[in-house]
Amino acid sequence: MRAPASSQFGEVAEGLGLPEELERLKSFIQEWAEHSSSEVLELLRWQLISRPKYFRPVTIFACHRAMNGGSVPERMLRSAVALELFHNVSLIIDDILDRSRKRRGRLTLHCRFGVLPALMAAGYLTAGGFKLVADDPYSTRLLAELMQRLGVAECLQWRLRRRPLGVSDWRTIAGEDTGSMFETCACLGTRDNRLRQFGRLLGMVYHGCDDVGDARGLVALGGGGDADVRDGILTLPAAIAVRDPVVAAWFRSSSAKSARLLTQRIAEVVPQAERYLDELATEAKTEAFKNAADPAPLLDLLRHTRSLSQR
């Protein structure tokens, strides 16, 4: 039986020597939620304290460890909490758009409390994140840029749905979607741009593993079913599969029959997608060796990320 995602990332934090930082993060988030308005308290408890993975904050801490060593300063901890809040905003919106009923084995926020309360909770989280870093101009700027980039990336991905584009196009989408989140993590962890490209590549590997995991019917990353096929979203396996003109025609179609055929073909090209992810991980490894004072924490992080599609 596969371990829950939250315990997997707890193991990573332990392996990186970061359990203390992870506990500080959990305590901070729980205390922040408990001091929120009573009107949204139950929503925040449901969203923030139910089997979270905390992989993005762990990435911030690992990048700090790779460049500086030592414990995580309070300012960085606050920026990690803010980023985790923003990540949850993206999850809430994704779940609503994907019409997802479950995430990590529990009802999604909008299914538990309703769409309007979920959207208002997302707004509350966004404002709360910015308040946490109000005295930190560097983090405020990075997080503001991140939220803009995520909005643009979602619009781009939605505009390009049902268009049978290639792997290079997938790479652009993944780099601005998940890649921008991890790129920001790297910059928050080092307070500069030295690991920016590593973070971007790590996020792309994560994005691709999520794509492959969905193709295999896995739920290790909290995602899940057939939403991407239904909506014509360009995943990594889909970008490989549509090289065949017949499959490209299925991708353009919204019929149930085309969706069934496309799903089968996507599953068949998973080994090719895995090989591409290996190449992407090698690029990230090169960045780690080139730029990190101690690449070991980054390599451990990368190994764990790469394994997610295979669990």
C-alpha atoms as a PDB file:
ATOM      1  CA  MET A   1       0.000   0.000   0.000  1.00  0.00           C
ATOM      2  CA  ARG A   2       1.302   3.451  -0.927  1.00  0.00           C
ATOM      3  CA  ALA A   3       1.982   5.769   2.003  1.00  0.00           C
ATOM      4  CA  PRO A   4      -0.153   8.931   2.220  1.00  0.00           C
ATOM      5  CA  ALA A   5       1.415  11.890   0.464  1.00  0.00           C
ATOM      6  CA  SER A   6       1.723  13.812   3.730  1.00  0.00           C
ATOM      7  CA  SER A   7       3.834  11.062   5.316  1.00  0.00           C
ATOM      8  CA  GLN A   8       5.955  10.783   2.158  1.00  0.00           C
ATOM      9  CA  PHE A   9       6.938  14.435   2.382  1.00  0.00           C
ATOM     10  CA  GLY A  10       7.447  14.136   6.120  1.00  0.00           C
ATOM     11  CA  GLU A  11       9.990  11.439   5.307  1.00  0.00           C
ATOM     12  CA  VAL A  12      11.698  13.793   2.860  1.00  0.00           C
ATOM     13  CA  ALA A  13      11.897  16.521   5.508  1.00  0.00           C
ATOM     14  CA  GLU A  14      13.362  13.963   7.913  1.00  0.00           C
ATOM     15  CA  GLY A  15      15.911  12.832   5.329  1.00  0.00           C
ATOM     16  CA  LEU A  16      16.936  16.413   4.645  1.00  0.00           C
ATOM     17  CA  GLY A  17      17.352  17.122   8.335  1.00  0.00           C
ATOM     18  CA  LEU A  18      14.357  19.475   8.281  1.00  0.00           C
ATOM     19  CA  PRO A  19      11.803  17.931  10.683  1.00  0.00           C
ATOM     20  CA  GLU A  20      12.134  20.846  13.097  1.00  0.00           C
ATOM     21  CA  GLU A  21      11.432  23.371  10.328  1.00  0.00           C
ATOM     22  CA  LEU A  22       8.446  21.340   9.173  1.00  0.00           C
ATOM     23  CA  GLU A  23       7.019  21.250  12.695  1.00  0.00           C
ATOM     24  CA  ARG A  24       7.506  25.012  13.011  1.00  0.00           C
ATOM     25  CA  LEU A  25       5.628  25.438   9.736  1.00  0.00           C
ATOM     26  CA  LYS A  26       2.734  23.198  10.802  1.00  0.00           C
ATOM     27  CA  SER A  27       2.393  24.974  14.136  1.00  0.00           C
ATOM     28  CA  PHE A  28       2.471  28.389  12.471  1.00  0.00           C
ATOM     29  CA  ILE A  29      -0.238  27.434   9.961  1.00  0.00           C
ATOM     30  CA  GLN A  30      -2.446  25.889  12.623  1.00  0.00           C
ATOM     31  CA  GLU A  31      -2.120  28.906  14.898  1.00  0.00           C
ATOM     32  CA  TRP A  32      -2.766  31.280  11.986  1.00  0.00           C
ATOM     33  CA  ALA A  33      -5.931  29.384  11.057  1.00  0.00           C
ATOM     34  CA  GLU A  34      -7.181  29.271  14.649  1.00  0.00           C
ATOM     35  CA  HIS A  35      -6.878  33.065  14.912  1.00  0.00           C
ATOM     36  CA  SER A  36      -8.894  33.657  11.751  1.00  0.00           C
ATOM     37  CA  SER A  37     -12.465  34.937  11.609  1.00  0.00           C
ATOM     38  CA  SER A  38     -14.974  32.502  13.075  1.00  0.00           C
ATOM     39  CA  GLU A  39     -16.939  32.790   9.812  1.00  0.00           C
ATOM     40  CA  VAL A  40     -14.184  31.022   7.855  1.00  0.00           C
ATOM     41  CA  LEU A  41     -12.499  29.029  10.620  1.00  0.00           C
ATOM     42  CA  GLU A  42     -14.031  25.670   9.718  1.00  0.00           C
ATOM     43  CA  LEU A  43     -13.229  26.182   6.033  1.00  0.00           C
ATOM     44  CA  LEU A  44      -9.581  26.943   6.817  1.00  0.00           C
ATOM     45  CA  ARG A  45      -9.289  23.977   9.141  1.00  0.00           C
ATOM     46  CA  TRP A  46     -10.718  21.738   6.422  1.00  0.00           C
ATOM     47  CA  GLN A  47      -8.445  23.091   3.698  1.00  0.00           C
ATOM     48  CA  LEU A  48      -5.172  23.632   5.552  1.00  0.00           C
ATOM     49  CA  ILE A  49      -5.019  20.931   8.199  1.00  0.00           C
ATOM     50  CA  SER A  50      -6.183  17.824   6.341  1.00  0.00           C
ATOM     51  CA  ARG A  51      -3.318  15.663   5.088  1.00  0.00           C
ATOM     52  CA  PRO A  52      -1.259  18.505   3.577  1.00  0.00           C
ATOM     53  CA  LYS A  53       1.969  17.624   1.749  1.00  0.00           C
ATOM     54  CA  TYR A  54       3.959  20.806   2.449  1.00  0.00           C
ATOM     55  CA  PHE A  55       6.274  19.984  -0.443  1.00  0.00           C
ATOM     56  CA  ARG A  56       6.645  23.604  -1.502  1.00  0.00           C
ATOM     57  CA  PRO A  57       7.739  24.855   1.934  1.00  0.00           C
ATOM     58  CA  VAL A  58      10.105  21.871   2.186  1.00  0.00           C
ATOM     59  CA  THR A  59      11.557  23.017  -1.143  1.00  0.00           C
ATOM     60  CA  ILE A  60      12.153  26.486   0.314  1.00  0.00           C
ATOM     61  CA  PHE A  61      13.891  24.968   3.336  1.00  0.00           C
ATOM     62  CA  ALA A  62      15.982  22.581   1.208  1.00  0.00           C
ATOM     63  CA  CYS A  63      17.176  25.411  -1.034  1.00  0.00           C
ATOM     64  CA  HIS A  64      18.137  27.416   2.058  1.00  0.00           C
ATOM     65  CA  ARG A  65      20.027  24.401   3.406  1.00  0.00           C
ATOM     66  CA  ALA A  66      21.775  23.827   0.062  1.00  0.00           C
ATOM     67  CA  MET A  67      23.154  27.367  -0.035  1.00  0.00           C
ATOM     68  CA  ASN A  68      23.478  28.490   3.571  1.00  0.00           C
ATOM     69  CA  GLY A  69      23.055  25.604   5.994  1.00  0.00           C
ATOM     70  CA  GLY A  70      21.742  26.324   9.455  1.00  0.00           C
ATOM     71  CA  SER A  71      18.182  26.750  10.657  1.00  0.00           C
ATOM     72  CA  VAL A  72      15.494  28.603   8.754  1.00  0.00           C
ATOM     73  CA  PRO A  73      15.123  32.245   9.909  1.00  0.00           C
ATOM     74  CA  GLU A  74      11.727  33.546  11.025  1.00  0.00           C
ATOM     75  CA  ARG A  75      11.347  35.772   7.974  1.00  0.00           C
ATOM     76  CA  MET A  76      11.787  32.776   5.674  1.00  0.00           C
ATOM     77  CA  LEU A  77       9.344  30.707   7.697  1.00  0.00           C
ATOM     78  CA  ARG A  78       6.688  33.405   7.265  1.00  0.00           C
ATOM     79  CA  SER A  79       7.278  33.519   3.503  1.00  0.00           C
ATOM     80  CA  ALA A  80       6.991  29.707   3.382  1.00  0.00           C
ATOM     81  CA  VAL A  81       3.640  29.880   5.189  1.00  0.00           C
ATOM     82  CA  ALA A  82       2.448  32.588   2.791  1.00  0.00           C
ATOM     83  CA  LEU A  83       3.420  30.486  -0.204  1.00  0.00           C
ATOM     84  CA  GLU A  84       1.606  27.472   1.250  1.00  0.00           C
ATOM     85  CA  LEU A  85      -1.514  29.623   1.647  1.00  0.00           C
ATOM     86  CA  PHE A  86      -1.248  30.720  -1.992  1.00  0.00           C
ATOM     87  CA  HIS A  87      -0.775  27.123  -3.067  1.00  0.00           C
ATOM     88  CA  ASN A  88      -4.040  26.267  -1.337  1.00  0.00           C
ATOM     89  CA  VAL A  89      -5.741  29.099  -3.203  1.00  0.00           C
ATOM     90  CA  SER A  90      -4.706  27.423  -6.454  1.00  0.00           C
ATOM     91  CA  LEU A  91      -6.004  24.052  -5.199  1.00  0.00           C
ATOM     92  CA  ILE A  92      -9.398  25.524  -4.301  1.00  0.00           C
ATOM     93  CA  ILE A  93      -9.775  27.127  -7.736  1.00  0.00           C
ATOM     94  CA  ASP A  94      -8.547  24.006  -9.553  1.00  0.00           C
ATOM     95  CA  ASP A  95     -10.994  21.793  -7.681  1.00  0.00           C
ATOM     96  CA  ILE A  96     -13.896  24.067  -8.573  1.00  0.00           C
ATOM     97  CA  LEU A  97     -12.928  24.246 -12.245  1.00  0.00           C
ATOM     98  CA  ASP A  98     -12.233  20.508 -12.476  1.00  0.00           C
ATOM     99  CA  ARG A  99     -15.475  19.717 -10.656  1.00  0.00           C
ATOM    100  CA  SER A 100     -13.464  17.503  -8.319  1.00  0.00           C
ATOM    101  CA  ARG A 101     -15.343  15.958  -5.413  1.00  0.00           C
ATOM    102  CA  LYS A 102     -12.338  14.531  -3.589  1.00  0.00           C
ATOM    103  CA  ARG A 103      -8.768  15.590  -2.843  1.00  0.00           C
ATOM    104  CA  ARG A 104      -6.445  13.396  -0.770  1.00  0.00           C
ATOM    105  CA  GLY A 105      -9.346  11.206   0.217  1.00  0.00           C
ATOM    106  CA  ARG A 106     -11.595  14.011   1.531  1.00  0.00           C
ATOM    107  CA  LEU A 107     -14.353  16.123   0.040  1.00  0.00           C
ATOM    108  CA  THR A 108     -12.998  19.211  -1.695  1.00  0.00           C
ATOM    109  CA  LEU A 109     -13.698  22.527   0.009  1.00  0.00           C
ATOM    110  CA  HIS A 110     -16.451  23.602  -2.383  1.00  0.00           C
ATOM    111  CA  CYS A 111     -18.211  20.240  -2.095  1.00  0.00           C
ATOM    112  CA  ARG A 112     -18.061  20.364   1.687  1.00  0.00           C
ATOM    113  CA  PHE A 113     -19.077  24.008   2.197  1.00  0.00           C
ATOM    114  CA  GLY A 114     -20.325  25.315  -1.169  1.00  0.00           C
ATOM    115  CA  VAL A 115     -18.770  27.223  -4.059  1.00  0.00           C
ATOM    116  CA  LEU A 116     -19.237  30.759  -2.755  1.00  0.00           C
ATOM    117  CA  PRO A 117     -17.714  30.044   0.697  1.00  0.00           C
ATOM    118  CA  ALA A 118     -14.805  28.252  -1.013  1.00  0.00           C
ATOM    119  CA  LEU A 119     -14.126  31.225  -3.268  1.00  0.00           C
ATOM    120  CA  MET A 120     -14.323  33.627  -0.333  1.00  0.00           C
ATOM    121  CA  ALA A 121     -11.928  31.414   1.625  1.00  0.00           C
ATOM    122  CA  ALA A 122      -9.513  31.605  -1.318  1.00  0.00           C
ATOM    123  CA  GLY A 123      -9.686  35.388  -1.154  1.00  0.00           C
ATOM    124  CA  TYR A 124      -9.173  35.308   2.617  1.00  0.00           C
ATOM    125  CA  LEU A 125      -6.078  33.102   2.185  1.00  0.00           C
ATOM    126  CA  THR A 126      -4.624  35.424  -0.459  1.00  0.00           C
ATOM    127  CA  ALA A 127      -5.006  38.499   1.713  1.00  0.00           C
ATOM    128  CA  GLY A 128      -3.672  36.610   4.718  1.00  0.00           C
ATOM    129  CA  GLY A 129      -0.584  35.521   2.819  1.00  0.00           C
ATOM    130  CA  PHE A 130       0.283  39.063   1.834  1.00  0.00           C
ATOM    131  CA  LYS A 131      -0.246  40.288   5.408  1.00  0.00           C
ATOM    132  CA  LEU A 132       2.273  37.708   6.634  1.00  0.00           C
ATOM    133  CA  VAL A 133       5.045  39.166   4.450  1.00  0.00           C
ATOM    134  CA  ALA A 134       4.002  42.823   4.568  1.00  0.00           C
ATOM    135  CA  ASP A 135       7.297  43.770   6.237  1.00  0.00           C
ATOM    136  CA  ASP A 136       9.366  41.762   3.731  1.00  0.00           C
ATOM    137  CA  PRO A 137       9.489  43.592   0.353  1.00  0.00           C
ATOM    138  CA  TYR A 138      11.491  40.817  -1.337  1.00  0.00           C
ATOM    139  CA  SER A 139       8.950  38.098  -0.492  1.00  0.00           C
ATOM    140  CA  THR A 140       6.011  40.393  -1.216  1.00  0.00           C
ATOM    141  CA  ARG A 141       7.317  41.116  -4.705  1.00  0.00           C
ATOM    142  CA  LEU A 142       8.047  37.457  -5.494  1.00  0.00           C
ATOM    143  CA  LEU A 143       4.680  36.247  -4.243  1.00  0.00           C
ATOM    144  CA  ALA A 144       2.801  38.976  -6.117  1.00  0.00           C
ATOM    145  CA  GLU A 145       4.633  38.015  -9.308  1.00  0.00           C
ATOM    146  CA  LEU A 146       3.817  34.371  -8.645  1.00  0.00           C
ATOM    147  CA  MET A 147       0.090  34.980  -8.320  1.00  0.00           C
ATOM    148  CA  GLN A 148       0.093  36.943 -11.575  1.00  0.00           C
ATOM    149  CA  ARG A 149       2.071  34.256 -13.365  1.00  0.00           C
ATOM    150  CA  LEU A 150      -0.244  31.514 -12.121  1.00  0.00           C
ATOM    151  CA  GLY A 151      -3.256  33.451 -13.383  1.00  0.00           C
ATOM    152  CA  VAL A 152      -1.662  33.921 -16.797  1.00  0.00           C
ATOM    153  CA  ALA A 153      -0.614  30.256 -16.946  1.00  0.00           C
ATOM    154  CA  GLU A 154      -4.141  29.049 -16.214  1.00  0.00           C
ATOM    155  CA  CYS A 155      -5.558  31.326 -18.915  1.00  0.00           C
ATOM    156  CA  LEU A 156      -2.943  30.071 -21.383  1.00  0.00           C
ATOM    157  CA  GLN A 157      -3.615  26.436 -20.576  1.00  0.00           C
ATOM    158  CA  TRP A 158      -7.362  26.922 -20.914  1.00  0.00           C
ATOM    159  CA  ARG A 159      -7.027  28.845 -24.193  1.00  0.00           C
ATOM    160  CA  LEU A 160      -4.911  26.043 -25.682  1.00  0.00           C
ATOM    161  CA  ARG A 161      -7.256  23.211 -24.690  1.00  0.00           C
ATOM    162  CA  ARG A 162      -8.061  20.671 -27.405  1.00  0.00           C
ATOM    163  CA  ARG A 163      -5.112  21.885 -29.464  1.00  0.00           C
ATOM    164  CA  PRO A 164      -2.785  18.934 -30.171  1.00  0.00           C
ATOM    165  CA  LEU A 165       0.490  20.697 -29.434  1.00  0.00           C
ATOM    166  CA  GLY A 166       3.890  19.164 -28.761  1.00  0.00           C
ATOM    167  CA  VAL A 167       6.244  18.523 -25.867  1.00  0.00           C
ATOM    168  CA  SER A 168       7.918  21.909 -26.232  1.00  0.00           C
ATOM    169  CA  ASP A 169       4.510  23.548 -25.733  1.00  0.00           C
ATOM    170  CA  TRP A 170       3.848  21.329 -22.710  1.00  0.00           C
ATOM    171  CA  ARG A 171       7.207  22.415 -21.353  1.00  0.00           C
ATOM    172  CA  THR A 172       6.213  26.081 -21.624  1.00  0.00           C
ATOM    173  CA  ILE A 173       2.887  25.464 -19.874  1.00  0.00           C
ATOM    174  CA  ALA A 174       4.425  23.341 -17.107  1.00  0.00           C
ATOM    175  CA  GLY A 175       7.197  25.872 -16.594  1.00  0.00           C
ATOM    176  CA  GLU A 176       4.748  28.699 -15.999  1.00  0.00           C
ATOM    177  CA  ASP A 177       2.219  26.654 -14.048  1.00  0.00           C
ATOM    178  CA  THR A 178       3.895  24.402 -11.487  1.00  0.00           C
ATOM    179  CA  GLY A 179       7.348  25.558 -12.518  1.00  0.00           C
ATOM    180  CA  SER A 180       6.717  29.147 -11.451  1.00  0.00           C
ATOM    181  CA  MET A 181       5.623  27.987  -7.991  1.00  0.00           C
ATOM    182  CA  PHE A 182       8.804  25.997  -7.385  1.00  0.00           C
ATOM    183  CA  GLU A 183      10.929  28.689  -9.000  1.00  0.00           C
ATOM    184  CA  THR A 184       9.536  31.086  -6.398  1.00  0.00           C
ATOM    185  CA  CYS A 185      10.269  28.545  -3.660  1.00  0.00           C
ATOM    186  CA  ALA A 186      13.910  28.401  -4.729  1.00  0.00           C
ATOM    187  CA  CYS A 187      14.230  32.187  -4.707  1.00  0.00           C
ATOM    188  CA  LEU A 188      12.553  32.475  -1.309  1.00  0.00           C
ATOM    189  CA  GLY A 189      14.941  29.842   0.039  1.00  0.00           C
ATOM    190  CA  THR A 190      18.101  31.599  -1.132  1.00  0.00           C
ATOM    191  CA  ARG A 191      16.872  35.213  -1.227  1.00  0.00           C
ATOM    192  CA  ASP A 192      18.385  35.528  -4.718  1.00  0.00           C
ATOM    193  CA  ASN A 193      18.241  33.900  -8.182  1.00  0.00           C
ATOM    194  CA  ARG A 194      21.012  31.316  -7.871  1.00  0.00           C
ATOM    195  CA  LEU A 195      18.635  28.333  -7.768  1.00  0.00           C
ATOM    196  CA  ARG A 196      15.803  29.869  -9.810  1.00  0.00           C
ATOM    197  CA  GLN A 197      16.325  27.555 -12.798  1.00  0.00           C
ATOM    198  CA  PHE A 198      16.669  24.505 -10.563  1.00  0.00           C
ATOM    199  CA  GLY A 199      13.339  25.386  -8.962  1.00  0.00           C
ATOM    200  CA  ARG A 200      11.661  25.825 -12.318  1.00  0.00           C
ATOM    201  CA  LEU A 201      12.915  22.451 -13.540  1.00  0.00           C
ATOM    202  CA  LEU A 202      11.927  20.761 -10.278  1.00  0.00           C
ATOM    203  CA  GLY A 203       8.413  22.122 -10.704  1.00  0.00           C
ATOM    204  CA  MET A 204       8.259  20.868 -14.275  1.00  0.00           C
ATOM    205  CA  VAL A 205       9.313  17.402 -13.112  1.00  0.00           C
ATOM    206  CA  TYR A 206       6.580  17.538 -10.464  1.00  0.00           C
ATOM    207  CA  HIS A 207       4.029  18.679 -13.055  1.00  0.00           C
ATOM    208  CA  GLY A 208       5.028  15.874 -15.417  1.00  0.00           C
ATOM    209  CA  CYS A 209       4.909  13.265 -12.652  1.00  0.00           C
ATOM    210  CA  ASP A 210       1.401  14.472 -11.833  1.00  0.00           C
ATOM    211  CA  ASP A 211       0.453  14.045 -15.502  1.00  0.00           C
ATOM    212  CA  VAL A 212       1.888  10.533 -15.633  1.00  0.00           C
ATOM    213  CA  GLY A 213       0.351   9.645 -12.282  1.00  0.00           C
ATOM    214  CA  ASP A 214      -3.077  10.669 -13.575  1.00  0.00           C
ATOM    215  CA  ALA A 215      -2.512   8.578 -16.699  1.00  0.00           C
ATOM    216  CA  ARG A 216      -1.824   5.605 -14.469  1.00  0.00           C
ATOM    217  CA  GLY A 217      -4.826   6.334 -12.303  1.00  0.00           C
ATOM    218  CA  LEU A 218      -2.720   7.268  -9.278  1.00  0.00           C
ATOM    219  CA  VAL A 219      -3.691   9.756  -6.591  1.00  0.00           C
ATOM    220  CA  ALA A 220      -0.272  10.233  -4.973  1.00  0.00           C
ATOM    221  CA  LEU A 221      -0.201  13.946  -5.796  1.00  0.00           C
ATOM    222  CA  GLY A 222      -3.737  14.637  -4.692  1.00  0.00           C
ATOM    223  CA  GLY A 223      -5.070  14.771  -8.243  1.00  0.00           C
ATOM    224  CA  GLY A 224      -6.868  12.153  -9.967  1.00  0.00           C
ATOM    225  CA  GLY A 225      -9.213  11.259 -12.701  1.00  0.00           C
ATOM    226  CA  ASP A 226     -10.187  12.122 -16.209  1.00  0.00           C
ATOM    227  CA  ALA A 227     -10.600  15.913 -15.943  1.00  0.00           C
ATOM    228  CA  ASP A 228      -7.647  16.658 -18.233  1.00  0.00           C
ATOM    229  CA  VAL A 229      -8.903  14.305 -20.951  1.00  0.00           C
ATOM    230  CA  ARG A 230     -12.445  15.626 -20.579  1.00  0.00           C
ATOM    231  CA  ASP A 231     -11.301  19.259 -20.886  1.00  0.00           C
ATOM    232  CA  GLY A 232      -8.645  18.686 -23.555  1.00  0.00           C
ATOM    233  CA  ILE A 233      -5.719  19.815 -21.372  1.00  0.00           C
ATOM    234  CA  LEU A 234      -2.241  19.238 -22.779  1.00  0.00           C
ATOM    235  CA  THR A 235      -0.512  16.852 -20.370  1.00  0.00           C
ATOM    236  CA  LEU A 236       2.932  15.376 -21.043  1.00  0.00           C
ATOM    237  CA  PRO A 237       1.597  11.963 -22.152  1.00  0.00           C
ATOM    238  CA  ALA A 238      -0.994  13.710 -24.338  1.00  0.00           C
ATOM    239  CA  ALA A 239       1.709  15.870 -25.969  1.00  0.00           C
ATOM    240  CA  ILE A 240       3.568  12.667 -26.883  1.00  0.00           C
ATOM    241  CA  ALA A 241       0.456  10.753 -27.983  1.00  0.00           C
ATOM    242  CA  VAL A 242      -0.843  13.464 -30.347  1.00  0.00           C
ATOM    243  CA  ARG A 243       2.211  13.077 -32.585  1.00  0.00           C
ATOM    244  CA  ASP A 244      -0.032  10.481 -34.254  1.00  0.00           C
ATOM    245  CA  PRO A 245      -2.522  12.395 -36.473  1.00  0.00           C
ATOM    246  CA  VAL A 246      -5.322   9.983 -35.565  1.00  0.00           C
ATOM    247  CA  VAL A 247      -4.779  10.615 -31.860  1.00  0.00           C
ATOM    248  CA  ALA A 248      -4.569  14.351 -32.552  1.00  0.00           C
ATOM    249  CA  ALA A 249      -8.078  14.156 -34.037  1.00  0.00           C
ATOM    250  CA  TRP A 250      -9.327  12.404 -30.885  1.00  0.00           C
ATOM    251  CA  PHE A 251      -7.738  15.158 -28.787  1.00  0.00           C
ATOM    252  CA  ARG A 252      -9.631  17.840 -30.728  1.00  0.00           C
ATOM    253  CA  SER A 253     -12.946  16.035 -30.258  1.00  0.00           C
ATOM    254  CA  SER A 254     -15.194  16.331 -27.211  1.00  0.00           C
ATOM    255  CA  SER A 255     -17.045  13.049 -27.825  1.00  0.00           C
ATOM    256  CA  ALA A 256     -17.118  10.303 -25.211  1.00  0.00           C
ATOM    257  CA  LYS A 257     -15.788   7.780 -27.720  1.00  0.00           C
ATOM    258  CA  SER A 258     -12.780   9.961 -28.537  1.00  0.00           C
ATOM    259  CA  ALA A 259     -12.123  10.421 -24.811  1.00  0.00           C
ATOM    260  CA  ARG A 260     -12.060   6.651 -24.275  1.00  0.00           C
ATOM    261  CA  LEU A 261      -9.694   6.076 -27.184  1.00  0.00           C
ATOM    262  CA  LEU A 262      -7.485   8.973 -26.134  1.00  0.00           C
ATOM    263  CA  THR A 263      -7.287   7.703 -22.548  1.00  0.00           C
ATOM    264  CA  GLN A 264      -6.142   4.297 -23.781  1.00  0.00           C
ATOM    265  CA  ARG A 265      -3.485   5.790 -26.061  1.00  0.00           C
ATOM    266  CA  ILE A 266      -2.231   8.129 -23.331  1.00  0.00           C
ATOM    267  CA  ALA A 267      -1.726   5.141 -21.040  1.00  0.00           C
ATOM    268  CA  GLU A 268       0.305   3.408 -23.773  1.00  0.00           C
ATOM    269  CA  VAL A 269       2.817   6.259 -24.091  1.00  0.00           C
ATOM    270  CA  VAL A 270       3.506   6.527 -20.352  1.00  0.00           C
ATOM    271  CA  PRO A 271       6.939   4.830 -20.735  1.00  0.00           C
ATOM    272  CA  GLN A 272       7.964   7.532 -23.233  1.00  0.00           C
ATOM    273  CA  ALA A 273       6.766  10.227 -20.835  1.00  0.00           C
ATOM    274  CA  GLU A 274       8.809   8.625 -18.047  1.00  0.00           C
ATOM    275  CA  ARG A 275      11.939   8.754 -20.201  1.00  0.00           C
ATOM    276  CA  TYR A 276      11.354  12.431 -20.910  1.00  0.00           C
ATOM    277  CA  LEU A 277      10.969  13.092 -17.195  1.00  0.00           C
ATOM    278  CA  ASP A 278      14.308  11.366 -16.621  1.00  0.00           C
ATOM    279  CA  GLU A 279      15.877  13.829 -19.080  1.00  0.00           C
ATOM    280  CA  LEU A 280      14.209  16.754 -17.320  1.00  0.00           C
ATOM    281  CA  ALA A 281      15.450  15.508 -13.949  1.00  0.00           C
ATOM    282  CA  THR A 282      18.977  15.329 -15.366  1.00  0.00           C
ATOM    283  CA  GLU A 283      18.713  18.987 -16.372  1.00  0.00           C
ATOM    284  CA  ALA A 284      17.667  19.865 -12.828  1.00  0.00           C
ATOM    285  CA  LYS A 285      20.530  17.811 -11.384  1.00  0.00           C
ATOM    286  CA  THR A 286      22.999  19.719 -13.538  1.00  0.00           C
ATOM    287  CA  GLU A 287      21.643  23.005 -12.176  1.00  0.00           C
ATOM    288  CA  ALA A 288      22.030  21.738  -8.621  1.00  0.00           C
ATOM    289  CA  PHE A 289      25.663  20.748  -9.098  1.00  0.00           C
ATOM    290  CA  LYS A 290      26.455  23.975 -10.924  1.00  0.00           C
ATOM    291  CA  ASN A 291      24.939  26.427  -8.447  1.00  0.00           C
ATOM    292  CA  ALA A 292      24.501  24.919  -4.972  1.00  0.00           C
ATOM    293  CA  ALA A 293      27.155  25.080  -2.266  1.00  0.00           C
ATOM    294  CA  ASP A 294      25.848  21.700  -1.062  1.00  0.00           C
ATOM    295  CA  PRO A 295      23.752  20.001  -3.772  1.00  0.00           C
ATOM    296  CA  ALA A 296      22.830  16.999  -1.608  1.00  0.00           C
ATOM    297  CA  PRO A 297      19.516  18.419  -0.252  1.00  0.00           C
ATOM    298  CA  LEU A 298      18.454  19.353  -3.781  1.00  0.00           C
ATOM    299  CA  LEU A 299      19.332  15.943  -5.174  1.00  0.00           C
ATOM    300  CA  ASP A 300      17.322  14.236  -2.418  1.00  0.00           C
ATOM    301  CA  LEU A 301      14.394  16.516  -3.200  1.00  0.00           C
ATOM    302  CA  LEU A 302      14.685  15.771  -6.902  1.00  0.00           C
ATOM    303  CA  ARG A 303      14.898  12.003  -6.361  1.00  0.00           C
ATOM    304  CA  HIS A 304      11.749  12.028  -4.297  1.00  0.00           C
ATOM    305  CA  THR A 305       9.903  14.195  -6.803  1.00  0.00           C
ATOM    306  CA  ARG A 306      10.903  11.987  -9.700  1.00  0.00           C
ATOM    307  CA  SER A 307       9.653   8.886  -7.872  1.00  0.00           C
ATOM    308  CA  LEU A 308       6.120  10.250  -7.499  1.00  0.00           C
ATOM    309  CA  SER A 309       4.932   9.042 -10.903  1.00  0.00           C
ATOM    310  CA  GLN A 310       6.119   5.528 -10.105  1.00  0.00           C
ATOM    311  CA  ARG A 311       4.469   5.006  -6.708  1.00  0.00           C
END
